[in-house]
Amino acid sequence: MDLQAKVKEHLAENGIKKKYLASLIGIYPTQLSQWLSGHYTLTNIQIKRVEDFLSGKSR
């Protein structure tokens, strides 16, 4: 499962809004939606923040 799919699943299962995750990783909600659909590329730092979010290191 790719990172975008993991994020989509995590958000849906936990009732977390995309706007919240976008603010955590420092991008606009529209950029997050574009990334989730494969039309935007995150920086390595932003990817690390997403991974930390999924592992529970940032909330």
C-alpha atoms as a PDB file:
ATOM      1  CA  MET A   1       0.000   0.000   0.000  1.00  0.00           C
ATOM      2  CA  ASP A   2       1.441   3.366  -0.962  1.00  0.00           C
ATOM      3  CA  LEU A   3       1.687   6.308   1.409  1.00  0.00           C
ATOM      4  CA  GLN A   4      -1.288   8.145  -0.091  1.00  0.00           C
ATOM      5  CA  ALA A   5      -3.518   5.100   0.400  1.00  0.00           C
ATOM      6  CA  LYS A   6      -2.344   4.722   3.999  1.00  0.00           C
ATOM      7  CA  VAL A   7      -3.127   8.380   4.671  1.00  0.00           C
ATOM      8  CA  LYS A   8      -6.593   8.155   3.099  1.00  0.00           C
ATOM      9  CA  GLU A   9      -7.378   5.064   5.155  1.00  0.00           C
ATOM     10  CA  HIS A  10      -6.053   6.591   8.384  1.00  0.00           C
ATOM     11  CA  LEU A  11      -8.042   9.795   7.911  1.00  0.00           C
ATOM     12  CA  ALA A  12     -11.254   7.881   7.172  1.00  0.00           C
ATOM     13  CA  GLU A  13     -10.875   5.399  10.026  1.00  0.00           C
ATOM     14  CA  ASN A  14     -10.139   8.087  12.606  1.00  0.00           C
ATOM     15  CA  GLY A  15     -12.443  10.848  11.383  1.00  0.00           C
ATOM     16  CA  ILE A  16      -9.548  13.253  10.860  1.00  0.00           C
ATOM     17  CA  LYS A  17     -10.046  16.144   8.480  1.00  0.00           C
ATOM     18  CA  LYS A  18      -7.635  16.744   5.615  1.00  0.00           C
ATOM     19  CA  LYS A  19      -7.377  20.359   6.732  1.00  0.00           C
ATOM     20  CA  TYR A  20      -5.857  19.213  10.036  1.00  0.00           C
ATOM     21  CA  LEU A  21      -3.242  17.013   8.379  1.00  0.00           C
ATOM     22  CA  ALA A  22      -2.403  19.743   5.876  1.00  0.00           C
ATOM     23  CA  SER A  23      -1.702  22.161   8.729  1.00  0.00           C
ATOM     24  CA  LEU A  24       0.525  19.568  10.432  1.00  0.00           C
ATOM     25  CA  ILE A  25       2.709  19.107   7.379  1.00  0.00           C
ATOM     26  CA  GLY A  26       2.738  22.774   6.384  1.00  0.00           C
ATOM     27  CA  ILE A  27       0.763  22.767   3.136  1.00  0.00           C
ATOM     28  CA  TYR A  28      -2.618  24.003   1.987  1.00  0.00           C
ATOM     29  CA  PRO A  29      -5.563  21.581   2.075  1.00  0.00           C
ATOM     30  CA  THR A  30      -5.832  21.810  -1.722  1.00  0.00           C
ATOM     31  CA  GLN A  31      -2.198  20.702  -2.030  1.00  0.00           C
ATOM     32  CA  LEU A  32      -2.919  17.743   0.235  1.00  0.00           C
ATOM     33  CA  SER A  33      -5.889  16.750  -1.920  1.00  0.00           C
ATOM     34  CA  GLN A  34      -3.724  17.055  -5.023  1.00  0.00           C
ATOM     35  CA  TRP A  35      -1.024  14.891  -3.412  1.00  0.00           C
ATOM     36  CA  LEU A  36      -3.581  12.267  -2.388  1.00  0.00           C
ATOM     37  CA  SER A  37      -4.751  12.088  -6.007  1.00  0.00           C
ATOM     38  CA  GLY A  38      -1.189  11.929  -7.371  1.00  0.00           C
ATOM     39  CA  HIS A  39      -1.010  15.443  -8.811  1.00  0.00           C
ATOM     40  CA  TYR A  40       1.380  17.049  -6.312  1.00  0.00           C
ATOM     41  CA  THR A  41       4.782  16.095  -4.933  1.00  0.00           C
ATOM     42  CA  LEU A  42       5.674  16.533  -1.277  1.00  0.00           C
ATOM     43  CA  THR A  43       9.170  17.436  -0.119  1.00  0.00           C
ATOM     44  CA  ASN A  44      11.172  14.916   1.904  1.00  0.00           C
ATOM     45  CA  ILE A  45      10.478  16.927   5.075  1.00  0.00           C
ATOM     46  CA  GLN A  46       6.744  16.880   4.386  1.00  0.00           C
ATOM     47  CA  ILE A  47       6.826  13.129   3.728  1.00  0.00           C
ATOM     48  CA  LYS A  48       8.601  12.629   7.066  1.00  0.00           C
ATOM     49  CA  ARG A  49       5.845  14.651   8.786  1.00  0.00           C
ATOM     50  CA  VAL A  50       3.195  12.466   7.140  1.00  0.00           C
ATOM     51  CA  GLU A  51       4.998   9.315   8.294  1.00  0.00           C
ATOM     52  CA  ASP A  52       5.278  10.733  11.834  1.00  0.00           C
ATOM     53  CA  PHE A  53       1.553  11.504  11.765  1.00  0.00           C
ATOM     54  CA  LEU A  54       0.708   7.947  10.710  1.00  0.00           C
ATOM     55  CA  SER A  55       2.917   6.463  13.425  1.00  0.00           C
ATOM     56  CA  GLY A  56       1.359   8.667  16.114  1.00  0.00           C
ATOM     57  CA  LYS A  57       4.436  10.818  16.712  1.00  0.00           C
ATOM     58  CA  SER A  58       2.554  14.009  15.870  1.00  0.00           C
ATOM     59  CA  ARG A  59      -1.028  14.858  16.711  1.00  0.00           C
END
